[in-house]
PDB file of all heavy atoms in Angstrom:
ATOM      1  N   LEU A   1      27.781  98.941  62.938  1.00  0.00           N
ATOM      2  CA  LEU A   1      28.553  99.800  62.040  1.00  0.00           C
ATOM      3  C   LEU A   1      30.000  99.555  62.234  1.00  0.00           C
ATOM      4  O   LEU A   1      30.766  99.658  61.237  1.00  0.00           O
ATOM      5  CB  LEU A   1      28.195 101.221  62.357  1.00  0.00           C
ATOM      6  CG  LEU A   1      28.668 102.277  61.351  1.00  0.00           C
ATOM      7  CD1 LEU A   1      28.119 102.022  60.013  1.00  0.00           C
ATOM      8  CD2 LEU A   1      28.225 103.665  61.795  1.00  0.00           C
ATOM      9  N   LEU A   2      30.399  99.191  63.355  1.00  0.00           N
ATOM     10  CA  LEU A   2      31.890  98.891  63.642  1.00  0.00           C
ATOM     11  C   LEU A   2      32.275  97.658  62.844  1.00  0.00           C
ATOM     12  O   LEU A   2      33.406  97.577  62.275  1.00  0.00           O
ATOM     13  CB  LEU A   2      32.193  98.669  65.103  1.00  0.00           C
ATOM     14  CG  LEU A   2      33.587  98.539  65.526  1.00  0.00           C
ATOM     15  CD1 LEU A   2      34.386  99.788  65.269  1.00  0.00           C
ATOM     16  CD2 LEU A   2      33.681  98.170  66.977  1.00  0.00           C
ATOM     17  N   HIS A   3      31.400  96.646  62.814  1.00  0.00           N
ATOM     18  CA  HIS A   3      31.783  95.432  62.040  1.00  0.00           C
ATOM     19  C   HIS A   3      31.840  95.701  60.518  1.00  0.00           C
ATOM     20  O   HIS A   3      32.767  95.233  59.944  1.00  0.00           O
ATOM     21  CB  HIS A   3      30.694  94.422  62.286  1.00  0.00           C
ATOM     22  CG  HIS A   3      30.597  93.888  63.737  1.00  0.00           C
ATOM     23  ND1 HIS A   3      29.366  93.733  64.349  1.00  0.00           N
ATOM     24  CD2 HIS A   3      31.565  93.596  64.588  1.00  0.00           C
ATOM     25  CE1 HIS A   3      29.619  93.313  65.576  1.00  0.00           C
ATOM     26  NE2 HIS A   3      30.949  93.208  65.743  1.00  0.00           N
ATOM     27  N   ILE A   4      30.997  96.549  60.095  1.00  0.00           N
ATOM     28  CA  ILE A   4      31.061  96.964  58.701  1.00  0.00           C
ATOM     29  C   ILE A   4      32.372  97.728  58.328  1.00  0.00           C
ATOM     30  O   ILE A   4      32.948  97.559  57.309  1.00  0.00           O
ATOM     31  CB  ILE A   4      29.813  97.736  58.268  1.00  0.00           C
ATOM     32  CG1 ILE A   4      28.518  96.865  58.348  1.00  0.00           C
ATOM     33  CG2 ILE A   4      29.980  98.371  56.839  1.00  0.00           C
ATOM     34  CD1 ILE A   4      27.269  97.673  58.151  1.00  0.00           C
ATOM     35  N   GLY A   5      32.784  98.545  59.356  1.00  0.00           N
ATOM     36  CA  GLY A   5      34.064  99.310  59.148  1.00  0.00           C
ATOM     37  C   GLY A   5      35.253  98.374  59.127  1.00  0.00           C
ATOM     38  O   GLY A   5      36.142  98.545  58.277  1.00  0.00           O
ATOM     39  N   PHE A   6      35.293  97.297  59.916  1.00  0.00           N
ATOM     40  CA  PHE A   6      36.353  96.293  59.888  1.00  0.00           C
ATOM     41  C   PHE A   6      36.321  95.523  58.605  1.00  0.00           C
ATOM     42  O   PHE A   6      37.351  95.184  58.050  1.00  0.00           O
ATOM     43  CB  PHE A   6      36.269  95.436  61.133  1.00  0.00           C
ATOM     44  CG  PHE A   6      37.067  96.014  62.336  1.00  0.00           C
ATOM     45  CD1 PHE A   6      36.244  96.362  63.478  1.00  0.00           C
ATOM     46  CD2 PHE A   6      38.340  96.274  62.351  1.00  0.00           C
ATOM     47  CE1 PHE A   6      36.808  96.915  64.502  1.00  0.00           C
ATOM     48  CE2 PHE A   6      38.948  96.774  63.422  1.00  0.00           C
ATOM     49  CZ  PHE A   6      38.204  97.168  64.560  1.00  0.00           C
ATOM     50  N   LEU A   7      35.059  95.212  58.142  1.00  0.00           N
ATOM     51  CA  LEU A   7      35.015  94.537  56.851  1.00  0.00           C
ATOM     52  C   LEU A   7      35.568  95.400  55.726  1.00  0.00           C
ATOM     53  O   LEU A   7      36.262  94.831  54.897  1.00  0.00           O
ATOM     54  CB  LEU A   7      33.591  94.185  56.622  1.00  0.00           C
ATOM     55  CG  LEU A   7      33.303  93.483  55.218  1.00  0.00           C
ATOM     56  CD1 LEU A   7      33.923  92.102  55.172  1.00  0.00           C
ATOM     57  CD2 LEU A   7      31.807  93.431  54.911  1.00  0.00           C
ATOM     58  N   LEU A   8      35.222  96.681  55.711  1.00  0.00           N
ATOM     59  CA  LEU A   8      35.681  97.540  54.749  1.00  0.00           C
ATOM     60  C   LEU A   8      37.229  97.647  54.747  1.00  0.00           C
ATOM     61  O   LEU A   8      37.877  97.746  53.781  1.00  0.00           O
ATOM     62  CB  LEU A   8      34.998  98.935  54.767  1.00  0.00           C
ATOM     63  CG  LEU A   8      33.560  98.916  54.369  1.00  0.00           C
ATOM     64  CD1 LEU A   8      32.951 100.328  54.516  1.00  0.00           C
ATOM     65  CD2 LEU A   8      33.406  98.527  52.921  1.00  0.00           C
ATOM     66  N   LEU A   9      37.796  97.697  55.955  1.00  0.00           N
ATOM     67  CA  LEU A   9      39.163  97.729  56.113  1.00  0.00           C
ATOM     68  C   LEU A   9      39.910  96.471  55.634  1.00  0.00           C
ATOM     69  O   LEU A   9      40.858  96.596  54.755  1.00  0.00           O
ATOM     70  CB  LEU A   9      39.541  97.868  57.682  1.00  0.00           C
ATOM     71  CG  LEU A   9      41.030  97.918  57.979  1.00  0.00           C
ATOM     72  CD1 LEU A   9      41.589  99.265  57.716  1.00  0.00           C
ATOM     73  CD2 LEU A   9      41.137  97.648  59.503  1.00  0.00           C
ATOM     74  N   ALA A  10      39.274  95.306  55.842  1.00  0.00           N
ATOM     75  CA  ALA A  10      39.860  94.075  55.344  1.00  0.00           C
ATOM     76  C   ALA A  10      39.738  94.014  53.788  1.00  0.00           C
ATOM     77  O   ALA A  10      40.564  93.556  53.153  1.00  0.00           O
ATOM     78  CB  ALA A  10      39.099  92.940  55.979  1.00  0.00           C
ATOM     79  N   LEU A  11      38.563  94.512  53.271  1.00  0.00           N
ATOM     80  CA  LEU A  11      38.429  94.377  51.918  1.00  0.00           C
ATOM     81  C   LEU A  11      39.308  95.333  51.101  1.00  0.00           C
ATOM     82  O   LEU A  11      39.913  95.021  50.046  1.00  0.00           O
ATOM     83  CB  LEU A  11      36.925  94.773  51.458  1.00  0.00           C
ATOM     84  CG  LEU A  11      35.887  93.628  51.760  1.00  0.00           C
ATOM     85  CD1 LEU A  11      34.494  94.112  51.493  1.00  0.00           C
ATOM     86  CD2 LEU A  11      36.169  92.375  51.074  1.00  0.00           C
ATOM     87  N   SER A  12      39.536  96.563  51.712  1.00  0.00           N
ATOM     88  CA  SER A  12      40.450  97.490  50.916  1.00  0.00           C
ATOM     89  C   SER A  12      41.827  97.102  50.987  1.00  0.00           C
ATOM     90  O   SER A  12      42.527  97.018  49.961  1.00  0.00           O
ATOM     91  CB  SER A  12      40.267  98.905  51.580  1.00  0.00           C
ATOM     92  OG  SER A  12      40.662  98.883  52.998  1.00  0.00           O
ATOM     93  N   PHE A  13      42.373  96.655  52.114  1.00  0.00           N
ATOM     94  CA  PHE A  13      43.746  96.184  52.159  1.00  0.00           C
ATOM     95  C   PHE A  13      43.914  94.815  51.495  1.00  0.00           C
ATOM     96  O   PHE A  13      44.925  94.496  50.979  1.00  0.00           O
ATOM     97  CB  PHE A  13      44.243  96.155  53.630  1.00  0.00           C
ATOM     98  CG  PHE A  13      44.719  97.498  54.122  1.00  0.00           C
ATOM     99  CD1 PHE A  13      43.871  98.230  54.887  1.00  0.00           C
ATOM    100  CD2 PHE A  13      45.887  98.063  53.763  1.00  0.00           C
ATOM    101  CE1 PHE A  13      44.259  99.482  55.321  1.00  0.00           C
ATOM    102  CE2 PHE A  13      46.295  99.268  54.185  1.00  0.00           C
ATOM    103  CZ  PHE A  13      45.444  99.997  54.950  1.00  0.00           C
ATOM    104  N   GLY A  14      42.870  94.047  51.535  1.00  0.00           N
ATOM    105  CA  GLY A  14      42.942  92.730  50.903  1.00  0.00           C
ATOM    106  C   GLY A  14      43.010  92.941  49.357  1.00  0.00           C
ATOM    107  O   GLY A  14      43.741  92.219  48.647  1.00  0.00           O
ATOM    108  N   SER A  15      42.293  93.947  48.746  1.00  0.00           N
ATOM    109  CA  SER A  15      42.389  94.171  47.465  1.00  0.00           C
ATOM    110  C   SER A  15      43.651  94.764  47.043  1.00  0.00           C
ATOM    111  O   SER A  15      44.371  94.400  45.965  1.00  0.00           O
ATOM    112  CB  SER A  15      41.281  95.164  46.985  1.00  0.00           C
ATOM    113  OG  SER A  15      41.552  96.507  47.451  1.00  0.00           O
ATOM    114  N   LEU A  16      44.372  95.523  47.930  1.00  0.00           N
ATOM    115  CA  LEU A  16      45.711  96.045  47.696  1.00  0.00           C
ATOM    116  C   LEU A  16      46.759  94.818  47.749  1.00  0.00           C
ATOM    117  O   LEU A  16      47.658  94.766  46.940  1.00  0.00           O
ATOM    118  CB  LEU A  16      46.073  97.037  48.731  1.00  0.00           C
ATOM    119  CG  LEU A  16      45.358  98.330  48.658  1.00  0.00           C
ATOM    120  CD1 LEU A  16      45.743  99.255  49.929  1.00  0.00           C
ATOM    121  CD2 LEU A  16      45.830  99.142  47.457  1.00  0.00           C
ATOM    122  N   CYS A  17      46.540  93.834  48.615  1.00  0.00           N
ATOM    123  CA  CYS A  17      47.346  92.690  48.641  1.00  0.00           C
ATOM    124  C   CYS A  17      47.251  91.935  47.296  1.00  0.00           C
ATOM    125  O   CYS A  17      48.215  91.481  46.737  1.00  0.00           O
ATOM    126  CB  CYS A  17      46.980  91.793  49.761  1.00  0.00           C
ATOM    127  SG  CYS A  17      47.441  92.451  51.380  1.00  0.00           S
ATOM    128  N   LEU A  18      45.969  91.801  46.812  1.00  0.00           N
ATOM    129  CA  LEU A  18      45.749  91.110  45.470  1.00  0.00           C
ATOM    130  C   LEU A  18      46.392  91.800  44.328  1.00  0.00           C
ATOM    131  O   LEU A  18      47.023  91.205  43.513  1.00  0.00           O
ATOM    132  CB  LEU A  18      44.238  90.864  45.319  1.00  0.00           C
ATOM    133  CG  LEU A  18      43.844  90.135  44.108  1.00  0.00           C
ATOM    134  CD1 LEU A  18      44.307  88.644  44.112  1.00  0.00           C
ATOM    135  CD2 LEU A  18      42.393  90.184  43.867  1.00  0.00           C
ATOM    136  N   GLN A  19      46.241  93.124  44.319  1.00  0.00           N
ATOM    137  CA  GLN A  19      46.945  94.004  43.276  1.00  0.00           C
ATOM    138  C   GLN A  19      48.427  93.849  43.341  1.00  0.00           C
ATOM    139  O   GLN A  19      49.097  93.812  42.322  1.00  0.00           O
ATOM    140  CB  GLN A  19      46.490  95.341  43.404  1.00  0.00           C
ATOM    141  CG  GLN A  19      45.048  95.679  43.132  1.00  0.00           C
ATOM    142  CD  GLN A  19      44.638  97.099  43.390  1.00  0.00           C
ATOM    143  OE1 GLN A  19      45.434  97.937  43.378  1.00  0.00           O
ATOM    144  NE2 GLN A  19      43.393  97.318  43.559  1.00  0.00           N
ATOM    145  N   GLY A  20      48.950  93.761  44.596  1.00  0.00           N
ATOM    146  CA  GLY A  20      50.445  93.665  44.688  1.00  0.00           C
ATOM    147  C   GLY A  20      50.846  92.237  44.205  1.00  0.00           C
ATOM    148  O   GLY A  20      51.928  92.181  43.468  1.00  0.00           O
ATOM    149  N   LEU A  21      50.098  91.196  44.481  1.00  0.00           N
ATOM    150  CA  LEU A  21      50.522  89.820  43.999  1.00  0.00           C
ATOM    151  C   LEU A  21      50.363  89.814  42.395  1.00  0.00           C
ATOM    152  O   LEU A  21      51.236  89.264  41.751  1.00  0.00           O
ATOM    153  CB  LEU A  21      49.606  88.812  44.510  1.00  0.00           C
ATOM    154  CG  LEU A  21      50.046  88.288  45.934  1.00  0.00           C
ATOM    155  CD1 LEU A  21      49.104  87.233  46.430  1.00  0.00           C
ATOM    156  CD2 LEU A  21      51.414  87.685  45.907  1.00  0.00           C
ATOM    157  N   LEU A  22      49.350  90.421  41.826  1.00  0.00           N
ATOM    158  CA  LEU A  22      49.263  90.546  40.407  1.00  0.00           C
ATOM    159  C   LEU A  22      50.275  91.329  39.772  1.00  0.00           C
ATOM    160  O   LEU A  22      50.758  91.006  38.651  1.00  0.00           O
ATOM    161  CB  LEU A  22      47.781  90.980  40.065  1.00  0.00           C
ATOM    162  CG  LEU A  22      46.662  90.096  40.342  1.00  0.00           C
ATOM    163  CD1 LEU A  22      45.312  90.847  40.046  1.00  0.00           C
ATOM    164  CD2 LEU A  22      46.705  88.832  39.615  1.00  0.00           C
ATOM    165  N   GLY A  23      50.768  92.369  40.458  1.00  0.00           N
ATOM    166  CA  GLY A  23      51.852  93.177  39.944  1.00  0.00           C
ATOM    167  C   GLY A  23      53.141  92.446  39.959  1.00  0.00           C
ATOM    168  O   GLY A  23      53.976  92.558  38.962  1.00  0.00           O
ATOM    169  N   ILE A  24      53.401  91.670  40.957  1.00  0.00           N
ATOM    170  CA  ILE A  24      54.573  90.863  40.980  1.00  0.00           C
ATOM    171  C   ILE A  24      54.526  89.766  39.871  1.00  0.00           C
ATOM    172  O   ILE A  24      55.549  89.565  39.205  1.00  0.00           O
ATOM    173  CB  ILE A  24      54.731  90.224  42.401  1.00  0.00           C
ATOM    174  CG1 ILE A  24      55.134  91.315  43.399  1.00  0.00           C
ATOM    175  CG2 ILE A  24      55.888  89.222  42.388  1.00  0.00           C
ATOM    176  CD1 ILE A  24      55.101  90.845  44.864  1.00  0.00           C
TER     177      ILE A  24
END
């Protein structure tokens, strides 16, 4: 469950990074 939590953390902040690049 801890591994899934870290994956969700990476996916959520990774999507925010992608949205930021698309916004720029």
